[in-house]
Amino acid sequence: METLGGTEFAPESAYLNTSTCGLLPRRAVTAMAELARELAAGRPEGAGDWGQVSAARGSFARLTGVSEGRVAVGGSVSVHTGLIASSLPPGAEVLFPEGEFASVVTPFTARGDLQARYAPLDGLADAVRSGTALVAFSAVQSADGRIVDLRAVREAAAAHGARTLLDASQSAGWLPLDAGAWDFTVTGGFKYLLCPRGVSFLTVTEEAQRTVAPLHAGALAAESPWEAFYGPVKRFARSARRFDEPPAYLSYHGAAPALALLEEIGVEAVHAHATALARRFREGLSSLGHTPIPGDSAIVAVPGLGGRAEELARAGVVVSARAGNLRAAFHLYNSAADVDRALDAIAG
């Protein structure tokens, strides 16, 4: 299997570490370098082009099946999650999977007046109950690549009147996402969306938008930003843009072309490519006597092998170690040759 993306990528290793950080396509690097040169020369238009932020917002909306009016932009998942946490009343119960990523959990627990409850991942839907205010979870788990039963969680939450917060940081870009099916989604752009760090997205349903206050709003969250530079914003954007963080322009100049590339290739094509490579890797691991965590994820975790990540890096195979697992993550720029090189390094 050859790579997707053509000459946009030129990794110098078998790079199987997208769950930590994705590779930047050439077009993103070019766009960022151009802006950096302009900033060094004294760019008269300021720090960056708002049109690039709008382009990134539009691409993310199309990739996840929602209108642009539901998408807010920012710089980190934890800030988006903190905004949602701030909207809950004291004493509200929030249900998490056991071992959930800290950025999803901590903004809620840091408040000190919410009830945090945890359930095994495969029992998350069954753990939703009357009185659960919010179910917060990652679609794909960072530590081991397991995919949540999304339909079951959605149906259980609806049956009990609970809202849902889905973190798509480990899935958006390779796993098709219907963001409109969830009250909130948060996504870090620097993994499978191929964006630089400093790019993140929040989606909010129209109904949920009425319950969240734009606590970190600045002028760009106003309905007419260029008329709201001084004093308090008196009229916020009617869309989810009122929840925007001020954007890191250099990162968004890279994000817009990176997301455009994903649109050109298509998430369905990336999903087929990445999961086929992951299956090949799981089969090879089994033939070597190892037992990877089963599933259809593009992320493959092997319990007990996490300590070999540095050894593999020296052999030119970049993976990561999480919760004792060796974690290999496959994306559009990987090939069957990368799988075989990783298997040879593990065998050797």
Protein backbone atom coordinates (compact mmCIF):
# COMPACT_ATOMS: atom_id res chain seq x y z
CA MET A 1 0.00 0.00 0.00
CA GLU A 2 1.39 3.35 -1.07
CA THR A 3 0.88 6.57 0.84
CA LEU A 4 -1.85 9.12 0.28
CA GLY A 5 -1.00 12.78 -0.15
CA GLY A 6 1.63 12.44 -2.88
CA THR A 7 4.63 14.74 -2.43
CA GLU A 8 3.03 16.67 0.44
CA PHE A 9 4.94 14.54 2.96
CA ALA A 10 8.55 13.44 3.19
CA PRO A 11 9.17 11.80 6.58
CA GLU A 12 12.73 10.76 7.31
CA SER A 13 11.61 7.75 9.35
CA ALA A 14 8.78 5.26 9.61
CA TYR A 15 6.68 7.83 11.42
CA LEU A 16 3.94 6.03 13.37
CA ASN A 17 3.37 8.70 16.00
CA THR A 18 0.45 10.79 14.75
CA SER A 19 -1.39 10.21 18.03
CA THR A 20 1.27 12.47 19.54
CA CYS A 21 1.69 14.92 16.66
CA GLY A 22 0.86 14.75 12.97
CA LEU A 23 3.21 15.63 10.14
CA LEU A 24 2.76 18.99 8.45
CA PRO A 25 2.07 18.89 4.71
CA ARG A 26 4.38 20.91 2.49
CA ARG A 27 1.64 23.39 1.65
CA ALA A 28 1.18 24.20 5.35
CA VAL A 29 4.90 24.72 5.85
CA THR A 30 5.01 27.01 2.81
CA ALA A 31 2.09 29.11 4.04
CA MET A 32 3.57 29.51 7.52
CA ALA A 33 7.01 30.38 6.18
CA GLU A 34 5.50 33.02 3.92
CA LEU A 35 3.67 34.65 6.82
CA ALA A 36 6.78 34.46 9.00
CA ARG A 37 8.80 36.27 6.34
CA GLU A 38 6.10 38.95 6.07
CA LEU A 39 6.03 39.40 9.83
CA ALA A 40 9.80 39.80 9.92
CA ALA A 41 9.56 42.43 7.17
CA GLY A 42 6.76 44.40 8.85
CA ARG A 43 3.43 43.15 7.55
CA PRO A 44 1.10 46.17 7.21
CA GLU A 45 -2.06 44.07 7.63
CA GLY A 46 -1.04 42.89 11.12
CA ALA A 47 -0.29 39.48 12.57
CA GLY A 48 -2.17 37.41 10.01
CA ASP A 49 -5.11 36.97 7.69
CA TRP A 50 -8.53 36.44 9.29
CA GLY A 51 -9.58 34.84 6.02
CA GLN A 52 -7.30 31.89 6.80
CA VAL A 53 -9.03 31.41 10.14
CA SER A 54 -12.38 31.45 8.36
CA ALA A 55 -11.11 28.97 5.78
CA ALA A 56 -9.96 26.57 8.51
CA ARG A 57 -13.31 26.89 10.28
CA GLY A 58 -15.14 26.14 7.04
CA SER A 59 -13.00 23.10 6.25
CA PHE A 60 -13.49 21.65 9.71
CA ALA A 61 -17.24 22.21 9.45
CA ARG A 62 -17.40 20.36 6.14
CA LEU A 63 -15.16 17.54 7.38
CA THR A 64 -17.41 16.98 10.41
CA GLY A 65 -20.80 17.56 8.84
CA VAL A 66 -21.95 20.72 10.62
CA SER A 67 -22.57 24.32 9.63
CA GLU A 68 -19.85 26.91 10.23
CA GLY A 69 -22.20 28.57 12.68
CA ARG A 70 -21.64 25.69 15.09
CA VAL A 71 -17.81 25.88 15.02
CA ALA A 72 -15.62 27.93 17.34
CA VAL A 73 -11.85 28.09 16.90
CA GLY A 74 -9.17 28.17 19.53
CA GLY A 75 -5.76 26.96 20.61
CA SER A 76 -6.30 23.98 22.92
CA VAL A 77 -8.82 21.36 23.91
CA SER A 78 -8.49 22.12 27.61
CA VAL A 79 -9.64 25.73 27.10
CA HIS A 80 -12.70 24.57 25.16
CA THR A 81 -13.43 21.97 27.83
CA GLY A 82 -13.02 24.56 30.57
CA LEU A 83 -15.62 26.73 28.88
CA ILE A 84 -18.09 23.85 28.92
CA ALA A 85 -17.22 22.98 32.52
CA SER A 86 -17.97 26.56 33.55
CA SER A 87 -21.51 26.26 32.21
CA LEU A 88 -22.58 23.45 34.56
CA PRO A 89 -24.45 24.17 37.81
CA PRO A 90 -22.83 23.25 41.14
CA GLY A 91 -23.35 19.61 42.02
CA ALA A 92 -23.87 18.46 38.43
CA GLU A 93 -22.73 14.91 37.70
CA VAL A 94 -20.21 14.36 34.90
CA LEU A 95 -19.54 10.81 33.72
CA PHE A 96 -16.12 9.88 32.28
CA PRO A 97 -14.51 6.65 31.09
CA GLU A 98 -11.81 5.30 33.37
CA GLY A 99 -8.37 6.43 32.17
CA GLU A 100 -9.74 9.32 30.10
CA PHE A 101 -7.26 11.94 28.89
CA ALA A 102 -6.54 14.70 31.41
CA SER A 103 -7.68 17.57 29.15
CA VAL A 104 -11.19 16.11 29.11
CA VAL A 105 -11.39 15.46 32.87
CA THR A 106 -9.42 18.12 34.70
CA PRO A 107 -11.39 21.26 33.75
CA PHE A 108 -14.39 19.65 35.46
CA THR A 109 -12.64 18.26 38.53
CA ALA A 110 -10.70 21.50 39.07
CA ARG A 111 -13.95 23.31 39.83
CA GLY A 112 -14.32 21.36 43.04
CA ASP A 113 -18.13 21.56 43.12
CA LEU A 114 -19.08 19.01 40.45
CA GLN A 115 -19.60 15.27 40.91
CA ALA A 116 -17.17 13.26 38.79
CA ARG A 117 -18.05 9.62 38.20
CA TYR A 118 -16.07 7.03 36.23
CA ALA A 119 -17.02 3.85 34.40
CA PRO A 120 -15.17 1.24 32.33
CA LEU A 121 -15.01 2.24 28.68
CA ASP A 122 -17.03 -0.72 27.47
CA GLY A 123 -19.67 0.02 30.12
CA LEU A 124 -19.90 3.76 29.60
CA ALA A 125 -23.34 3.71 27.99
CA ASP A 126 -24.74 1.47 30.73
CA ALA A 127 -23.38 3.83 33.39
CA VAL A 128 -25.44 6.82 32.21
CA ARG A 129 -28.27 7.36 34.68
CA SER A 130 -30.97 9.77 35.66
CA GLY A 131 -29.20 12.79 37.10
CA THR A 132 -26.16 12.52 34.83
CA ALA A 133 -25.73 16.03 33.45
CA LEU A 134 -22.94 15.36 30.97
CA VAL A 135 -21.06 12.39 29.50
CA ALA A 136 -17.53 13.51 28.55
CA PHE A 137 -15.24 11.14 26.65
CA SER A 138 -12.85 10.69 23.75
CA ALA A 139 -14.18 8.86 20.70
CA VAL A 140 -10.84 7.06 20.48
CA GLN A 141 -8.81 6.53 23.63
CA SER A 142 -5.34 8.04 23.73
CA ALA A 143 -3.72 5.28 25.78
CA ASP A 144 -4.69 2.30 23.65
CA GLY A 145 -6.69 3.37 20.57
CA ARG A 146 -9.96 1.75 21.63
CA ILE A 147 -13.06 3.18 19.94
CA VAL A 148 -16.09 3.97 22.09
CA ASP A 149 -19.47 2.51 21.12
CA LEU A 150 -20.64 5.92 19.94
CA ARG A 151 -24.17 4.94 19.09
CA ALA A 152 -24.75 3.31 22.47
CA VAL A 153 -23.46 6.32 24.39
CA ARG A 154 -25.51 8.73 22.31
CA GLU A 155 -28.70 6.72 22.81
CA ALA A 156 -28.13 6.30 26.55
CA ALA A 157 -27.48 10.00 27.00
CA ALA A 158 -30.64 10.89 25.09
CA ALA A 159 -32.70 8.43 27.12
CA HIS A 160 -31.58 10.01 30.41
CA GLY A 161 -31.53 13.66 29.30
CA ALA A 162 -27.75 13.97 29.60
CA ARG A 163 -25.66 16.17 27.36
CA THR A 164 -22.59 14.85 25.57
CA LEU A 165 -19.04 16.11 25.11
CA LEU A 166 -16.97 14.15 22.59
CA ASP A 167 -13.23 14.72 22.23
CA ALA A 168 -12.25 13.91 18.64
CA SER A 169 -8.55 14.71 18.97
CA GLN A 170 -7.51 11.09 18.37
CA SER A 171 -10.09 10.44 15.67
CA ALA A 172 -10.97 13.49 13.55
CA GLY A 173 -9.09 13.15 10.28
CA TRP A 174 -9.19 9.36 10.01
CA LEU A 175 -12.50 8.32 11.63
CA PRO A 176 -15.61 9.83 10.03
CA LEU A 177 -17.25 12.21 12.52
CA ASP A 178 -20.79 13.53 12.65
CA ALA A 179 -20.21 16.44 15.02
CA GLY A 180 -23.88 17.37 14.88
CA ALA A 181 -24.77 14.20 16.80
CA TRP A 182 -23.19 15.61 19.98
CA ASP A 183 -23.96 18.64 22.12
CA PHE A 184 -20.27 19.54 22.17
CA THR A 185 -17.17 18.27 20.40
CA VAL A 186 -13.60 19.38 21.04
CA THR A 187 -10.71 18.59 18.73
CA GLY A 188 -7.01 19.31 18.85
CA GLY A 189 -5.90 20.02 15.30
CA PHE A 190 -2.25 18.99 15.59
CA LYS A 191 -2.75 15.24 15.30
CA TYR A 192 -4.77 13.63 12.49
CA LEU A 193 -5.97 16.98 11.13
CA LEU A 194 -2.35 17.76 10.19
CA CYS A 195 -2.44 21.29 11.62
CA PRO A 196 0.27 23.03 13.63
CA ARG A 197 -0.09 23.22 17.39
CA GLY A 198 -2.22 26.16 18.42
CA VAL A 199 -5.25 25.06 16.38
CA SER A 200 -8.34 23.52 17.96
CA PHE A 201 -12.06 23.39 17.29
CA LEU A 202 -15.19 23.42 19.42
CA THR A 203 -18.60 22.55 18.02
CA VAL A 204 -21.77 23.47 19.89
CA THR A 205 -25.38 22.77 18.95
CA GLU A 206 -27.64 25.78 18.65
CA GLU A 207 -29.52 24.69 21.77
CA ALA A 208 -26.36 24.23 23.82
CA GLN A 209 -25.02 27.61 22.69
CA ARG A 210 -27.72 29.26 24.78
CA THR A 211 -26.33 27.75 27.98
CA VAL A 212 -22.62 28.65 27.62
CA ALA A 213 -21.21 32.08 28.42
CA PRO A 214 -18.36 33.43 26.21
CA LEU A 215 -16.05 33.85 29.21
CA HIS A 216 -12.80 34.38 27.30
CA ALA A 217 -14.33 36.54 24.59
CA GLY A 218 -12.47 39.42 22.99
CA ALA A 219 -13.26 41.73 20.13
CA LEU A 220 -13.19 38.91 17.56
CA ALA A 221 -16.15 37.27 19.33
CA ALA A 222 -18.34 40.27 18.59
CA GLU A 223 -20.93 40.28 15.84
CA SER A 224 -18.97 43.16 14.24
CA PRO A 225 -15.38 42.62 15.46
CA TRP A 226 -13.88 45.67 13.83
CA GLU A 227 -16.32 47.87 15.75
CA ALA A 228 -15.65 46.29 19.17
CA PHE A 229 -11.99 46.95 19.91
CA TYR A 230 -12.57 49.12 22.98
CA GLY A 231 -14.73 48.66 26.03
CA PRO A 232 -16.90 45.60 26.66
CA VAL A 233 -18.34 43.69 23.75
CA LYS A 234 -21.99 44.64 23.69
CA ARG A 235 -23.21 42.38 20.90
CA PHE A 236 -21.70 38.92 20.57
CA ALA A 237 -21.69 36.91 17.37
CA ARG A 238 -24.97 35.09 16.83
CA SER A 239 -23.05 31.92 15.95
CA ALA A 240 -20.56 29.77 17.87
CA ARG A 241 -17.93 32.32 16.84
CA ARG A 242 -18.71 34.09 20.11
CA PHE A 243 -16.80 31.25 21.80
CA ASP A 244 -13.66 31.81 19.69
CA GLU A 245 -10.31 32.28 21.35
CA PRO A 246 -8.15 34.92 19.67
CA PRO A 247 -6.41 32.83 17.00
CA ALA A 248 -2.71 32.09 16.70
CA TYR A 249 -2.45 33.36 13.13
CA LEU A 250 0.78 31.61 12.22
CA SER A 251 -0.78 28.26 13.14
CA TYR A 252 -4.02 29.00 11.31
CA HIS A 253 -2.14 29.98 8.15
CA GLY A 254 -0.81 26.42 8.24
CA ALA A 255 -4.14 24.90 9.25
CA ALA A 256 -6.16 26.21 6.31
CA PRO A 257 -4.15 24.45 3.58
CA ALA A 258 -3.68 21.32 5.73
CA LEU A 259 -7.42 20.92 6.21
CA ALA A 260 -7.99 21.64 2.53
CA LEU A 261 -5.72 18.68 1.74
CA LEU A 262 -7.81 16.41 3.96
CA GLU A 263 -10.93 17.59 2.15
CA GLU A 264 -9.32 16.77 -1.20
CA ILE A 265 -8.40 13.24 -0.12
CA GLY A 266 -11.51 12.56 1.95
CA VAL A 267 -11.78 11.14 5.45
CA GLU A 268 -13.39 7.93 4.14
CA ALA A 269 -10.31 7.26 2.01
CA VAL A 270 -7.99 8.00 4.92
CA HIS A 271 -10.02 5.70 7.15
CA ALA A 272 -9.77 2.80 4.69
CA HIS A 273 -6.02 3.38 4.24
CA ALA A 274 -5.08 3.80 7.89
CA THR A 275 -7.17 0.93 9.24
CA ALA A 276 -5.82 -1.44 6.56
CA LEU A 277 -2.28 -0.63 7.67
CA ALA A 278 -3.27 -1.11 11.30
CA ARG A 279 -4.71 -4.55 10.50
CA ARG A 280 -1.49 -5.51 8.74
CA PHE A 281 0.45 -4.42 11.80
CA ARG A 282 -1.80 -6.34 14.22
CA GLU A 283 -1.49 -9.49 12.11
CA GLY A 284 2.29 -9.13 12.01
CA LEU A 285 2.49 -8.60 15.75
CA SER A 286 0.44 -11.74 16.34
CA SER A 287 2.79 -13.74 14.13
CA LEU A 288 5.66 -12.51 16.32
CA GLY A 289 3.91 -13.74 19.45
CA HIS A 290 2.61 -10.39 20.70
CA THR A 291 -1.00 -9.62 21.57
CA PRO A 292 -2.13 -6.16 20.49
CA ILE A 293 -5.37 -4.71 21.81
CA PRO A 294 -8.00 -5.88 19.30
CA GLY A 295 -10.25 -3.61 17.27
CA ASP A 296 -10.58 -1.67 14.04
CA SER A 297 -8.76 1.46 15.15
CA ALA A 298 -5.99 3.18 13.21
CA ILE A 299 -4.13 3.22 16.53
CA VAL A 300 -2.52 -0.04 17.63
CA ALA A 301 -1.46 -0.56 21.23
CA VAL A 302 0.66 -3.47 22.46
CA PRO A 303 0.59 -3.94 26.24
CA GLY A 304 3.97 -4.41 27.87
CA LEU A 305 6.07 -3.16 24.95
CA GLY A 306 6.06 0.54 25.80
CA GLY A 307 9.62 0.32 27.07
CA ARG A 308 10.88 -0.42 23.55
CA ALA A 309 9.81 2.92 22.04
CA GLU A 310 13.28 4.48 22.36
CA GLU A 311 14.91 1.38 20.88
CA LEU A 312 12.60 1.53 17.89
CA ALA A 313 13.33 5.23 17.43
CA ARG A 314 17.02 4.42 17.10
CA ALA A 315 16.03 1.95 14.37
CA GLY A 316 14.18 4.69 12.50
CA VAL A 317 10.68 3.76 13.66
CA VAL A 318 8.92 6.51 15.60
CA VAL A 319 6.19 5.29 17.95
CA SER A 320 5.14 6.31 21.46
CA ALA A 321 4.72 4.74 24.89
CA ARG A 322 1.46 5.31 26.74
CA ALA A 323 0.24 3.59 29.94
CA GLY A 324 2.77 0.78 29.42
CA ASN A 325 1.65 0.23 25.84
CA LEU A 326 3.70 0.59 22.69
CA ARG A 327 1.41 2.78 20.59
CA ALA A 328 1.64 2.94 16.80
CA ALA A 329 -0.63 5.31 14.91
CA PHE A 330 -1.26 5.05 11.17
CA HIS A 331 -2.28 7.89 8.89
CA LEU A 332 -2.42 8.88 5.23
CA TYR A 333 1.35 9.35 4.87
CA ASN A 334 2.15 5.81 6.04
CA SER A 335 2.66 2.79 3.80
CA ALA A 336 2.98 -0.97 4.01
CA ALA A 337 6.75 -0.46 4.03
CA ASP A 338 6.40 1.45 7.31
CA VAL A 339 4.47 -1.46 8.81
CA ASP A 340 7.08 -3.99 7.72
CA ARG A 341 9.94 -1.82 8.98
CA ALA A 342 8.25 -1.54 12.39
CA LEU A 343 7.68 -5.28 12.56
CA ASP A 344 11.30 -5.98 11.62
CA ALA A 345 12.50 -3.62 14.35
CA ILE A 346 10.27 -5.29 16.94
CA ALA A 347 11.39 -8.75 15.84
CA GLY A 348 15.04 -7.72 15.82
